[in-house]
Amino acid sequence: MNTTKVTLLVSPLLLVVWMASANAQESGFPFVLPESKPDRPMSAAMSRNYSQWSAPRPEHNELYSQFKYTKLKGFDYHDQDGTVSRRDPSKVIFANGKYYVWYTKRDTPTPPKGAAASTDTIPSSDWDLCDIWYATSEDGFTWQEQGVAVPRPPKPNVGWRSVSTTDILQWKGKYYLYYQGFMEASGKRGDDCPVAVSYADSPDGPWTPHNQVVIPNGGSGDWDQYSIHDPYPLVYKGRIYLYYKSDFDGEPNLVRMQGLAIADNPLGPFEKHPLNPVINSGHETTLFPFRKGIAALVIRDGNEHSTVQFAEDGVNFEIASITNLMPTAGGPFIPDAFTDTKDGRGITWGISHFTNATTWDQNHAVLTRFDCDLSLDLNDPVMKRTGLYLKPEIYYQQGLGQTQRKRIEESNRKIREHANNQ
């Protein structure tokens, strides 16, 4: 009698569960993509669509964008003969009623010839024998080159061989330019260089060199023992957060990752973060305040290349979106880069560069403008499109080399021989 009662009580519950399961199997995933995670069994990919990304559609992701490029006016490149190069622009700032940008400029008798052939006048690389120059603009498209901001100092000061890859900080009414300081030709022992700094009361200078290393290379055996590249300062949590890149793990396939050093004074001391590297990919540093944290463009190199990442604490970065044609060495215009904002608004444009603008025999870089929609204050549907259609010529330019051709010919020969022997 008791057993019968239990069966009668449980059976309707089992029936309800079975019917719900059957209905779930019969009805597919909703045709209209839900904005929030639906309460239903889903694959790992569909669950990730709601757990990893800020929106299920990339068009609604605040940290997703395409990038558009515009040729700049106002810069002369000696008919692209490789003797003049401009590269690695800083962040863009607005001061004195105009935009400012600083960059690496090389003006040498010849294009780069490699470390073995380099001299006091012949550069080893595109960033050898360089000075820091600057330009101004009223609209961000046409620029007027103003001249040298930071020249190479006399030997043996930091950067006597070359100063390059600069970025700007505004702190308590003063301006600071951080840059790589080379004491030997690039390529003789990798890109061996620490970070130096110069300061001024005005973005037009004059700039006073600190003449000391402010962020040294790491200790022997550390990931950043040979280079601290691309110093990139932001003001965050009331302090100076300076991000940088290093190359490591040996030739010929260097690994490139990004680290963080923090200071309370622009001249240091800077303390490297114990969790370095804080970003495991990327060829240069391009970051900006976003909401309560820091966003980063991670380009070209590493497992997580071609992504936009975000860290609410400025340290533990996670992938926020995947995109393409990202700006190389991007220097964005960031109005709140130095305000210690608690609500970063993002970016819409900046200056970057194209390397190897012609051929390797005439190797040089040119500055360009990029535009995007990584801003909370902009909603540009064109920038949020996901389809990127390139002409066939773009793909054919990525064609096979002679080594690949020979490998394929050898493979075809072996297949024919094997067939003939059957």
Protein backbone atom coordinates (compact mmCIF):
# COMPACT_ATOMS: atom_id res chain seq x y z
CA MET A 1 0.00 0.00 0.00
CA ASN A 2 2.74 2.47 0.91
CA THR A 3 4.73 1.52 -2.21
CA THR A 4 1.74 2.23 -4.46
CA LYS A 5 1.27 5.70 -2.97
CA VAL A 6 4.93 6.61 -3.58
CA THR A 7 4.66 5.47 -7.18
CA LEU A 8 1.57 7.56 -7.77
CA LEU A 9 3.27 10.64 -6.29
CA VAL A 10 6.53 10.32 -8.23
CA SER A 11 5.17 9.34 -11.62
CA PRO A 12 3.56 12.73 -12.48
CA LEU A 13 6.86 14.49 -11.65
CA LEU A 14 8.80 12.18 -13.92
CA LEU A 15 6.24 12.78 -16.63
CA VAL A 16 6.68 16.57 -16.37
CA VAL A 17 10.49 16.26 -16.57
CA TRP A 18 10.26 13.94 -19.57
CA MET A 19 7.83 16.27 -21.39
CA ALA A 20 10.09 19.31 -20.77
CA SER A 21 13.06 17.39 -22.09
CA ALA A 22 11.15 16.28 -25.15
CA ASN A 23 9.99 19.83 -25.87
CA ALA A 24 13.58 21.12 -25.53
CA GLN A 25 14.70 18.52 -28.04
CA GLU A 26 11.91 19.43 -30.46
CA SER A 27 12.43 23.24 -30.32
CA GLY A 28 15.71 24.54 -31.72
CA PHE A 29 17.72 27.51 -30.58
CA PRO A 30 15.66 30.73 -30.97
CA PHE A 31 15.68 32.35 -34.41
CA VAL A 32 16.00 35.80 -32.81
CA LEU A 33 19.34 35.79 -30.99
CA PRO A 34 18.63 36.38 -27.27
CA GLU A 35 20.38 39.39 -25.76
CA SER A 36 20.93 37.53 -22.49
CA LYS A 37 21.88 33.92 -21.90
CA PRO A 38 18.81 31.69 -22.39
CA ASP A 39 17.88 29.07 -19.82
CA ARG A 40 18.39 26.00 -21.99
CA PRO A 41 21.10 23.42 -22.73
CA MET A 42 23.77 24.95 -24.99
CA SER A 43 27.06 23.98 -26.55
CA ALA A 44 30.32 25.32 -25.18
CA ALA A 45 30.52 27.78 -28.09
CA MET A 46 27.06 29.22 -27.45
CA SER A 47 27.66 29.43 -23.70
CA ARG A 48 30.90 31.28 -24.40
CA ASN A 49 28.98 33.72 -26.60
CA TYR A 50 27.29 34.97 -23.42
CA SER A 51 30.00 34.40 -20.81
CA GLN A 52 33.16 35.68 -22.55
CA TRP A 53 31.85 38.56 -24.67
CA SER A 54 30.05 41.67 -23.47
CA ALA A 55 27.32 41.13 -26.08
CA PRO A 56 26.29 38.11 -28.18
CA ARG A 57 26.73 40.15 -31.39
CA PRO A 58 30.08 41.87 -32.11
CA GLU A 59 28.22 44.93 -33.43
CA HIS A 60 26.99 45.54 -29.88
CA ASN A 61 30.39 44.97 -28.26
CA GLU A 62 31.80 48.30 -27.07
CA LEU A 63 35.34 46.97 -27.52
CA TYR A 64 34.90 45.69 -31.07
CA SER A 65 35.69 47.78 -34.13
CA GLN A 66 37.01 47.71 -37.64
CA PHE A 67 39.80 50.15 -38.50
CA LYS A 68 39.93 52.63 -41.39
CA TYR A 69 43.11 54.29 -42.66
CA THR A 70 43.82 57.67 -44.26
CA LYS A 71 47.05 58.90 -45.85
CA LEU A 72 48.45 61.90 -44.00
CA LYS A 73 49.43 65.17 -45.65
CA GLY A 74 52.46 67.28 -44.76
CA PHE A 75 55.28 64.71 -44.53
CA ASP A 76 58.09 64.36 -47.11
CA TYR A 77 59.75 60.95 -47.59
CA HIS A 78 62.43 61.76 -50.21
CA ASP A 79 60.43 60.07 -52.98
CA GLN A 80 60.29 56.88 -50.87
CA ASP A 81 64.01 56.15 -51.43
CA GLY A 82 64.44 54.77 -47.92
CA THR A 83 66.62 57.55 -46.53
CA VAL A 84 63.81 59.13 -44.49
CA SER A 85 61.56 57.20 -42.14
CA ARG A 86 58.91 58.18 -39.61
CA ARG A 87 57.54 55.52 -37.29
CA ASP A 88 56.28 54.58 -33.81
CA PRO A 89 54.11 57.62 -33.07
CA SER A 90 53.21 58.61 -29.54
CA LYS A 91 49.72 59.10 -28.22
CA VAL A 92 48.12 62.20 -29.73
CA ILE A 93 47.38 65.04 -27.32
CA PHE A 94 45.50 68.34 -27.74
CA ALA A 95 47.19 71.48 -26.40
CA ASN A 96 47.48 75.13 -27.39
CA GLY A 97 44.53 74.75 -29.77
CA LYS A 98 46.06 71.93 -31.87
CA TYR A 99 46.98 68.28 -31.90
CA TYR A 100 50.53 67.11 -31.12
CA VAL A 101 52.28 63.85 -31.98
CA TRP A 102 55.88 62.73 -31.42
CA TYR A 103 57.63 59.99 -33.41
CA THR A 104 60.89 58.34 -34.39
CA LYS A 105 62.53 59.97 -37.41
CA ARG A 106 65.52 58.67 -39.35
CA ASP A 107 67.20 60.90 -41.96
CA THR A 108 70.33 59.09 -43.17
CA PRO A 109 72.41 58.93 -46.38
CA THR A 110 71.27 55.37 -47.08
CA PRO A 111 68.46 53.01 -46.11
CA PRO A 112 69.24 50.45 -43.37
CA LYS A 113 72.08 48.08 -44.30
CA GLY A 114 72.11 45.64 -41.38
CA ALA A 115 74.27 45.51 -38.27
CA ALA A 116 77.41 44.23 -40.00
CA ALA A 117 77.48 47.09 -42.52
CA SER A 118 76.40 49.84 -40.13
CA THR A 119 78.66 52.80 -39.36
CA ASP A 120 78.34 56.14 -37.60
CA THR A 121 76.24 57.33 -40.55
CA ILE A 122 74.83 54.12 -42.09
CA PRO A 123 71.93 52.68 -40.07
CA SER A 124 71.64 49.02 -39.18
CA SER A 125 67.85 49.11 -38.88
CA ASP A 126 64.96 51.48 -39.50
CA TRP A 127 65.14 52.67 -35.88
CA ASP A 128 68.92 53.15 -35.80
CA LEU A 129 70.54 56.63 -35.89
CA CYS A 130 67.20 58.26 -35.07
CA ASP A 131 65.96 61.29 -33.16
CA ILE A 132 62.55 62.13 -31.67
CA TRP A 133 60.65 64.66 -33.80
CA TYR A 134 57.18 66.16 -33.45
CA ALA A 135 54.40 67.60 -35.59
CA THR A 136 51.17 69.52 -35.02
CA SER A 137 47.81 69.58 -36.76
CA GLU A 138 44.50 71.38 -36.58
CA ASP A 139 42.41 68.54 -38.01
CA GLY A 140 44.42 65.32 -37.54
CA PHE A 141 44.85 64.82 -41.31
CA THR A 142 47.27 67.55 -42.40
CA TRP A 143 50.37 67.91 -40.24
CA GLN A 144 53.19 70.44 -39.94
CA GLU A 145 56.52 69.00 -38.89
CA GLN A 146 57.94 71.24 -36.18
CA GLY A 147 61.44 69.79 -35.76
CA VAL A 148 63.50 67.78 -33.30
CA ALA A 149 62.12 67.37 -29.79
CA VAL A 150 64.76 65.01 -28.36
CA PRO A 151 68.05 64.63 -30.25
CA ARG A 152 70.55 61.88 -29.64
CA PRO A 153 72.64 62.97 -26.65
CA PRO A 154 76.42 62.98 -26.73
CA LYS A 155 78.24 59.74 -25.99
CA PRO A 156 78.16 58.02 -23.48
CA ASN A 157 74.69 59.21 -22.35
CA VAL A 158 71.70 56.88 -22.69
CA GLY A 159 70.58 56.95 -26.32
CA TRP A 160 73.77 58.31 -27.88
CA ARG A 161 73.42 55.84 -30.77
CA SER A 162 69.67 56.28 -31.29
CA VAL A 163 66.53 57.44 -29.49
CA SER A 164 63.27 55.94 -30.69
CA THR A 165 59.74 54.74 -29.97
CA THR A 166 58.63 57.59 -27.76
CA ASP A 167 55.43 58.24 -25.86
CA ILE A 168 54.03 61.20 -23.95
CA LEU A 169 52.91 61.74 -20.37
CA GLN A 170 51.31 64.86 -18.92
CA TRP A 171 51.73 65.00 -15.12
CA LYS A 172 51.12 67.93 -12.77
CA GLY A 173 51.56 70.61 -15.40
CA LYS A 174 54.68 69.16 -17.02
CA TYR A 175 55.29 66.93 -20.05
CA TYR A 176 57.47 63.83 -20.18
CA LEU A 177 58.70 61.92 -23.22
CA TYR A 178 59.77 58.32 -22.58
CA TYR A 179 61.81 56.55 -25.24
CA GLN A 180 64.20 53.71 -25.98
CA GLY A 181 67.85 54.66 -25.62
CA PHE A 182 70.33 52.68 -27.74
CA MET A 183 74.05 52.58 -26.92
CA GLU A 184 74.97 50.37 -29.87
CA ALA A 185 73.65 49.65 -33.37
CA SER A 186 70.47 47.62 -33.30
CA GLY A 187 71.09 44.01 -34.30
CA LYS A 188 74.59 43.61 -32.92
CA ARG A 189 73.10 42.08 -29.77
CA GLY A 190 69.41 42.19 -30.51
CA ASP A 191 67.56 45.38 -29.63
CA ASP A 192 69.42 46.00 -26.40
CA CYS A 193 68.03 49.16 -24.83
CA PRO A 194 66.53 50.51 -21.58
CA VAL A 195 64.08 53.43 -21.19
CA ALA A 196 65.14 57.06 -20.84
CA VAL A 197 63.07 60.23 -20.37
CA SER A 198 63.14 63.96 -21.12
CA TYR A 199 60.81 66.61 -19.64
CA ALA A 200 59.50 70.07 -20.49
CA ASP A 201 57.05 72.74 -19.32
CA SER A 202 55.44 72.91 -22.78
CA PRO A 203 54.72 70.36 -25.50
CA ASP A 204 56.87 72.57 -27.74
CA GLY A 205 59.85 72.13 -25.42
CA PRO A 206 62.61 72.75 -24.78
CA TRP A 207 63.13 69.21 -23.53
CA THR A 208 65.63 68.48 -20.78
CA PRO A 209 67.11 64.96 -20.80
CA HIS A 210 67.13 63.19 -17.46
CA ASN A 211 70.30 61.39 -18.62
CA GLN A 212 69.52 58.35 -16.52
CA VAL A 213 67.86 55.03 -17.15
CA VAL A 214 64.36 55.17 -15.64
CA ILE A 215 63.31 51.60 -16.44
CA PRO A 216 66.27 49.24 -16.67
CA ASN A 217 66.45 45.94 -18.47
CA GLY A 218 65.64 42.92 -16.31
CA GLY A 219 68.19 40.84 -14.48
CA SER A 220 70.14 38.01 -16.08
CA GLY A 221 67.74 35.27 -17.13
CA ASP A 222 64.64 37.46 -16.85
CA TRP A 223 62.23 37.76 -19.77
CA ASP A 224 63.13 41.46 -20.25
CA GLN A 225 66.88 41.20 -19.68
CA TYR A 226 67.79 42.64 -23.10
CA SER A 227 65.10 45.16 -23.97
CA ILE A 228 62.40 47.43 -22.63
CA HIS A 229 60.57 48.58 -25.74
CA ASP A 230 57.62 50.87 -26.46
CA PRO A 231 57.26 52.68 -23.09
CA TYR A 232 53.60 53.73 -22.85
CA PRO A 233 52.44 55.74 -19.80
CA LEU A 234 48.89 56.28 -18.54
CA VAL A 235 47.64 57.81 -15.29
CA TYR A 236 45.61 55.20 -13.43
CA LYS A 237 44.65 54.89 -9.76
CA GLY A 238 46.56 58.08 -9.05
CA ARG A 239 49.83 56.60 -10.26
CA ILE A 240 51.85 56.30 -13.46
CA TYR A 241 51.19 52.95 -15.14
CA LEU A 242 53.85 52.50 -17.80
CA TYR A 243 53.35 49.51 -20.09
CA TYR A 244 56.19 48.15 -22.21
CA LYS A 245 57.10 45.29 -24.53
CA SER A 246 60.07 42.96 -24.53
CA ASP A 247 61.45 40.42 -27.00
CA PHE A 248 62.66 37.14 -25.54
CA ASP A 249 63.09 33.37 -25.88
CA GLY A 250 65.94 33.59 -28.41
CA GLU A 251 66.48 33.90 -32.14
CA PRO A 252 65.17 33.52 -34.74
CA ASN A 253 61.61 33.29 -33.43
CA LEU A 254 61.38 35.89 -30.69
CA VAL A 255 58.39 35.90 -28.35
CA ARG A 256 56.88 39.32 -27.71
CA MET A 257 54.86 40.06 -24.58
CA GLN A 258 53.98 43.14 -22.55
CA GLY A 259 54.83 44.17 -19.02
CA LEU A 260 53.94 46.92 -16.56
CA ALA A 261 56.01 49.23 -14.36
CA ILE A 262 54.39 51.62 -11.85
CA ALA A 263 55.68 54.83 -10.26
CA ASP A 264 54.54 57.83 -8.25
CA ASN A 265 57.06 60.14 -9.91
CA PRO A 266 57.67 60.44 -13.68
CA LEU A 267 61.42 60.17 -13.09
CA GLY A 268 60.99 57.01 -11.04
CA PRO A 269 61.66 54.80 -9.36
CA PHE A 270 59.46 52.48 -11.42
CA GLU A 271 58.55 49.12 -9.89
CA LYS A 272 57.92 46.26 -12.30
CA HIS A 273 54.74 44.34 -11.59
CA PRO A 274 55.33 40.89 -10.05
CA LEU A 275 52.88 39.29 -12.52
CA ASN A 276 54.80 40.46 -15.60
CA PRO A 277 54.24 39.80 -18.44
CA VAL A 278 50.67 41.04 -18.03
CA ILE A 279 49.79 40.58 -21.74
CA ASN A 280 51.05 37.45 -23.50
CA SER A 281 50.98 38.81 -27.07
CA GLY A 282 51.33 41.94 -29.18
CA HIS A 283 54.11 43.64 -31.12
CA GLU A 284 53.68 47.15 -29.71
CA THR A 285 51.89 48.83 -26.79
CA THR A 286 48.59 50.62 -27.41
CA LEU A 287 46.32 51.03 -24.37
CA PHE A 288 43.66 53.44 -23.09
CA PRO A 289 41.40 53.98 -20.07
CA PHE A 290 38.04 52.29 -20.54
CA ARG A 291 35.26 52.44 -17.95
CA LYS A 292 36.95 51.53 -14.63
CA GLY A 293 39.89 49.72 -16.20
CA ILE A 294 42.38 49.63 -19.08
CA ALA A 295 41.84 48.36 -22.62
CA ALA A 296 44.65 47.21 -24.92
CA LEU A 297 45.06 46.67 -28.66
CA VAL A 298 47.03 43.43 -29.06
CA ILE A 299 48.41 43.21 -32.58
CA ARG A 300 50.50 40.97 -34.84
CA ASP A 301 52.36 38.59 -32.51
CA GLY A 302 51.45 35.85 -30.05
CA ASN A 303 48.59 33.46 -29.39
CA GLU A 304 46.18 36.32 -28.75
CA HIS A 305 47.10 38.62 -31.64
CA SER A 306 44.36 40.64 -33.38
CA THR A 307 42.38 41.08 -30.17
CA VAL A 308 41.18 43.93 -28.03
CA GLN A 309 41.64 43.09 -24.35
CA PHE A 310 40.44 44.58 -21.08
CA ALA A 311 41.60 44.52 -17.45
CA GLU A 312 39.47 46.16 -14.78
CA ASP A 313 42.55 46.27 -12.54
CA GLY A 314 44.98 47.25 -15.32
CA VAL A 315 46.85 43.97 -14.82
CA ASN A 316 44.77 40.85 -15.51
CA PHE A 317 43.76 41.23 -19.14
CA GLU A 318 41.06 39.16 -20.84
CA ILE A 319 40.08 39.06 -24.51
CA ALA A 320 37.14 41.40 -25.17
CA SER A 321 36.94 41.10 -28.98
CA ILE A 322 38.66 39.72 -32.06
CA THR A 323 39.19 41.97 -35.07
CA ASN A 324 41.57 42.55 -38.00
CA LEU A 325 43.71 45.16 -39.77
CA MET A 326 44.67 46.64 -36.41
CA PRO A 327 46.90 49.73 -36.35
CA THR A 328 50.60 48.96 -36.16
CA ALA A 329 52.23 50.93 -33.34
CA GLY A 330 49.01 52.84 -32.75
CA GLY A 331 49.16 56.15 -30.91
CA PRO A 332 45.52 57.03 -30.18
CA PHE A 333 44.04 60.38 -29.27
CA ILE A 334 42.95 59.80 -25.64
CA PRO A 335 41.47 62.92 -24.00
CA ASP A 336 41.34 61.20 -20.59
CA ALA A 337 44.74 59.46 -20.73
CA PHE A 338 46.13 61.57 -17.87
CA THR A 339 43.02 62.59 -15.91
CA ASP A 340 42.94 59.50 -13.67
CA THR A 341 39.40 58.93 -14.89
CA LYS A 342 37.15 56.36 -13.23
CA ASP A 343 35.02 56.22 -16.40
CA GLY A 344 37.31 55.93 -19.42
CA ARG A 345 35.48 56.86 -22.61
CA GLY A 346 37.62 55.04 -25.17
CA ILE A 347 39.11 56.09 -28.51
CA THR A 348 38.00 56.99 -32.05
CA TRP A 349 41.24 57.81 -33.92
CA GLY A 350 44.99 58.09 -33.76
CA ILE A 351 48.25 57.87 -35.69
CA SER A 352 50.07 54.61 -36.54
CA HIS A 353 52.63 53.52 -39.11
CA PHE A 354 53.15 51.24 -42.08
CA THR A 355 56.56 49.57 -42.20
CA ASN A 356 58.45 48.55 -45.34
CA ALA A 357 56.54 51.17 -47.30
CA THR A 358 58.22 50.16 -50.59
CA THR A 359 60.84 47.37 -50.68
CA TRP A 360 63.35 46.00 -48.17
CA ASP A 361 66.15 47.59 -50.20
CA GLN A 362 64.51 50.95 -49.51
CA ASN A 363 63.14 50.00 -46.12
CA HIS A 364 61.38 52.81 -44.28
CA ALA A 365 58.11 53.51 -42.47
CA VAL A 366 55.40 56.11 -43.03
CA LEU A 367 52.90 57.59 -40.61
CA THR A 368 49.18 57.13 -41.24
CA ARG A 369 45.88 57.94 -39.54
CA PHE A 370 43.53 55.26 -38.24
CA ASP A 371 39.89 55.65 -37.21
CA CYS A 372 37.73 53.26 -35.21
CA ASP A 373 34.77 53.03 -32.84
CA LEU A 374 36.12 51.89 -29.48
CA SER A 375 34.31 54.70 -27.71
CA LEU A 376 31.34 54.88 -25.35
CA ASP A 377 30.47 58.25 -26.92
CA LEU A 378 30.24 57.07 -30.55
CA ASN A 379 27.95 54.68 -32.38
CA ASP A 380 29.24 54.22 -35.93
CA PRO A 381 27.56 51.19 -37.58
CA VAL A 382 30.13 51.16 -40.41
CA MET A 383 32.98 50.73 -37.91
CA LYS A 384 31.07 47.91 -36.23
CA ARG A 385 30.63 45.78 -39.36
CA THR A 386 32.16 42.32 -39.25
CA GLY A 387 32.49 41.57 -42.97
CA LEU A 388 35.85 42.61 -44.45
CA TYR A 389 36.15 42.20 -48.22
CA LEU A 390 39.59 42.59 -49.78
CA LYS A 391 40.55 42.62 -53.45
CA PRO A 392 42.21 39.45 -54.85
CA GLU A 393 45.48 41.39 -55.25
CA ILE A 394 45.74 41.71 -51.47
CA TYR A 395 45.65 37.93 -51.08
CA TYR A 396 48.04 37.29 -53.97
CA GLN A 397 50.56 39.61 -52.32
CA GLN A 398 50.70 37.01 -49.56
CA GLY A 399 51.83 34.42 -52.11
CA LEU A 400 54.17 31.49 -51.78
CA GLY A 401 57.90 32.03 -51.58
CA GLN A 402 60.59 30.08 -53.41
CA THR A 403 61.10 27.72 -50.48
CA GLN A 404 57.42 26.80 -50.40
CA ARG A 405 57.35 26.36 -54.20
CA LYS A 406 60.31 23.96 -54.08
CA ARG A 407 58.68 22.00 -51.25
CA ILE A 408 55.47 21.60 -53.25
CA GLU A 409 57.37 20.60 -56.42
CA GLU A 410 59.27 17.97 -54.45
CA SER A 411 56.05 16.67 -52.92
CA ASN A 412 54.44 16.42 -56.38
CA ARG A 413 57.50 14.57 -57.72
CA LYS A 414 57.32 11.98 -54.93
CA ILE A 415 53.58 11.47 -55.49
CA ARG A 416 54.17 10.87 -59.22
CA GLU A 417 57.01 8.42 -58.51
CA HIS A 418 54.88 6.54 -56.00
CA ALA A 419 52.01 6.31 -58.51
CA ASN A 420 54.30 5.06 -61.30
CA ASN A 421 55.67 2.33 -59.02
CA GLN A 422 52.25 0.89 -58.21
